[in-house]
Amino acid sequence: MTDVAVQVVLLDDGPSLLEVAKVFRLMTGLGLWHAKQTVTAAPLVLLFERLKEAAARERAGYLRAAGASATVAAVDYKGSRLTSSPPGPRA
């Protein structure tokens, strides 16, 4: 059975790095130093995966409110592996 889940990707930490790190810290339980290290790895940092859409949108909203640029993307998971279709023409 295929489940569709969503992930939250940090695109840019924005002008207020410390505020974004504090918000990420509150969501994850990480220490401030580890949260800051994760946030500064932007662009394109996968912060959360396999979330329900409402939870992902809520977390992305908190990050955006702190000044970050974050996106929510749907991902098609099959079992425990990420599946994707190869590019090319379909018959």
C-alpha atoms as a PDB file:
ATOM      1  CA  MET A   1       0.000   0.000   0.000  1.00  0.00           C
ATOM      2  CA  THR A   2       1.258   3.451  -0.896  1.00  0.00           C
ATOM      3  CA  ASP A   3       0.953   6.270   1.621  1.00  0.00           C
ATOM      4  CA  VAL A   4       1.258   9.902   0.690  1.00  0.00           C
ATOM      5  CA  ALA A   5       3.024  11.922   3.327  1.00  0.00           C
ATOM      6  CA  VAL A   6       4.490  15.381   3.296  1.00  0.00           C
ATOM      7  CA  GLN A   7       7.808  16.844   4.276  1.00  0.00           C
ATOM      8  CA  VAL A   8       8.956  20.280   5.400  1.00  0.00           C
ATOM      9  CA  VAL A   9      11.995  21.664   3.603  1.00  0.00           C
ATOM     10  CA  LEU A  10      13.854  24.770   4.744  1.00  0.00           C
ATOM     11  CA  LEU A  11      14.759  26.839   1.687  1.00  0.00           C
ATOM     12  CA  ASP A  12      16.367  29.793   3.459  1.00  0.00           C
ATOM     13  CA  ASP A  13      16.939  30.642   7.114  1.00  0.00           C
ATOM     14  CA  GLY A  14      16.014  34.272   6.468  1.00  0.00           C
ATOM     15  CA  PRO A  15      17.281  37.419   8.154  1.00  0.00           C
ATOM     16  CA  SER A  16      16.647  36.160  11.689  1.00  0.00           C
ATOM     17  CA  LEU A  17      18.689  32.970  12.015  1.00  0.00           C
ATOM     18  CA  LEU A  18      18.482  32.844  15.793  1.00  0.00           C
ATOM     19  CA  GLU A  19      14.679  33.165  15.829  1.00  0.00           C
ATOM     20  CA  VAL A  20      14.334  30.367  13.270  1.00  0.00           C
ATOM     21  CA  ALA A  21      16.718  28.189  15.290  1.00  0.00           C
ATOM     22  CA  LYS A  22      14.680  28.828  18.449  1.00  0.00           C
ATOM     23  CA  VAL A  23      11.445  27.803  16.714  1.00  0.00           C
ATOM     24  CA  PHE A  24      13.082  24.679  15.265  1.00  0.00           C
ATOM     25  CA  ARG A  25      14.465  23.875  18.716  1.00  0.00           C
ATOM     26  CA  LEU A  26      10.993  24.075  20.263  1.00  0.00           C
ATOM     27  CA  MET A  27       9.599  21.719  17.601  1.00  0.00           C
ATOM     28  CA  THR A  28      12.348  19.116  17.896  1.00  0.00           C
ATOM     29  CA  GLY A  29      13.673  19.258  21.439  1.00  0.00           C
ATOM     30  CA  LEU A  30      17.225  19.782  20.169  1.00  0.00           C
ATOM     31  CA  GLY A  31      19.596  22.055  21.986  1.00  0.00           C
ATOM     32  CA  LEU A  32      19.973  25.560  20.622  1.00  0.00           C
ATOM     33  CA  TRP A  33      23.441  24.849  19.225  1.00  0.00           C
ATOM     34  CA  HIS A  34      22.243  21.781  17.280  1.00  0.00           C
ATOM     35  CA  ALA A  35      19.152  23.617  16.061  1.00  0.00           C
ATOM     36  CA  LYS A  36      21.297  26.501  14.826  1.00  0.00           C
ATOM     37  CA  GLN A  37      23.667  24.114  13.045  1.00  0.00           C
ATOM     38  CA  THR A  38      20.746  22.452  11.282  1.00  0.00           C
ATOM     39  CA  VAL A  39      19.139  25.725  10.246  1.00  0.00           C
ATOM     40  CA  THR A  40      22.407  27.204   8.938  1.00  0.00           C
ATOM     41  CA  ALA A  41      22.779  24.280   6.525  1.00  0.00           C
ATOM     42  CA  ALA A  42      20.086  25.918   4.329  1.00  0.00           C
ATOM     43  CA  PRO A  43      19.336  26.042   1.432  1.00  0.00           C
ATOM     44  CA  LEU A  44      17.343  22.864   1.044  1.00  0.00           C
ATOM     45  CA  VAL A  45      17.412  21.266   4.456  1.00  0.00           C
ATOM     46  CA  LEU A  46      14.867  18.505   5.014  1.00  0.00           C
ATOM     47  CA  LEU A  47      13.598  19.296   8.507  1.00  0.00           C
ATOM     48  CA  PHE A  48      10.633  16.961   8.897  1.00  0.00           C
ATOM     49  CA  GLU A  49       9.386  14.044   6.848  1.00  0.00           C
ATOM     50  CA  ARG A  50       6.434  11.666   6.823  1.00  0.00           C
ATOM     51  CA  LEU A  51       4.062  14.104   8.457  1.00  0.00           C
ATOM     52  CA  LYS A  52       0.374  14.544   7.927  1.00  0.00           C
ATOM     53  CA  GLU A  53      -0.356  17.563   5.787  1.00  0.00           C
ATOM     54  CA  ALA A  54      -1.905  19.636   8.580  1.00  0.00           C
ATOM     55  CA  ALA A  55       1.072  19.078  10.891  1.00  0.00           C
ATOM     56  CA  ALA A  56       3.554  19.897   8.125  1.00  0.00           C
ATOM     57  CA  ARG A  57       1.734  23.111   7.197  1.00  0.00           C
ATOM     58  CA  GLU A  58       1.614  24.135  10.863  1.00  0.00           C
ATOM     59  CA  ARG A  59       5.362  23.607  11.322  1.00  0.00           C
ATOM     60  CA  ALA A  60       6.174  25.422   8.077  1.00  0.00           C
ATOM     61  CA  GLY A  61       3.960  28.287   9.244  1.00  0.00           C
ATOM     62  CA  TYR A  62       5.877  28.622  12.507  1.00  0.00           C
ATOM     63  CA  LEU A  63       9.167  28.687  10.611  1.00  0.00           C
ATOM     64  CA  ARG A  64       7.836  31.309   8.190  1.00  0.00           C
ATOM     65  CA  ALA A  65       6.602  33.442  11.098  1.00  0.00           C
ATOM     66  CA  ALA A  66      10.165  33.397  12.468  1.00  0.00           C
ATOM     67  CA  GLY A  67      11.452  34.709   9.115  1.00  0.00           C
ATOM     68  CA  ALA A  68      12.454  31.522   7.304  1.00  0.00           C
ATOM     69  CA  SER A  69      11.447  30.393   3.861  1.00  0.00           C
ATOM     70  CA  ALA A  70      10.007  26.880   4.148  1.00  0.00           C
ATOM     71  CA  THR A  71       7.958  24.696   1.839  1.00  0.00           C
ATOM     72  CA  VAL A  72       5.702  21.692   2.253  1.00  0.00           C
ATOM     73  CA  ALA A  73       6.062  18.978  -0.390  1.00  0.00           C
ATOM     74  CA  ALA A  74       4.106  15.782  -0.915  1.00  0.00           C
ATOM     75  CA  VAL A  75       6.171  12.605  -1.159  1.00  0.00           C
ATOM     76  CA  ASP A  76       5.048   9.173  -2.261  1.00  0.00           C
ATOM     77  CA  TYR A  77       6.422   6.528   0.108  1.00  0.00           C
ATOM     78  CA  LYS A  78       6.127   2.791  -0.450  1.00  0.00           C
ATOM     79  CA  GLY A  79       7.005   0.875   2.667  1.00  0.00           C
ATOM     80  CA  SER A  80      10.053   2.529   4.131  1.00  0.00           C
ATOM     81  CA  ARG A  81      11.596   3.652   0.828  1.00  0.00           C
ATOM     82  CA  LEU A  82      11.053   6.808  -1.150  1.00  0.00           C
ATOM     83  CA  THR A  83       9.770   5.894  -4.597  1.00  0.00           C
ATOM     84  CA  SER A  84       9.997   7.933  -7.720  1.00  0.00           C
ATOM     85  CA  SER A  85       9.245   7.385 -11.367  1.00  0.00           C
ATOM     86  CA  PRO A  86      12.127   7.520 -13.843  1.00  0.00           C
ATOM     87  CA  PRO A  87      11.855  10.333 -16.365  1.00  0.00           C
ATOM     88  CA  GLY A  88      10.949   9.491 -19.930  1.00  0.00           C
ATOM     89  CA  PRO A  89       8.015   8.800 -22.191  1.00  0.00           C
ATOM     90  CA  ARG A  90       5.164   6.660 -20.990  1.00  0.00           C
ATOM     91  CA  ALA A  91       3.611   4.013 -23.183  1.00  0.00           C
END
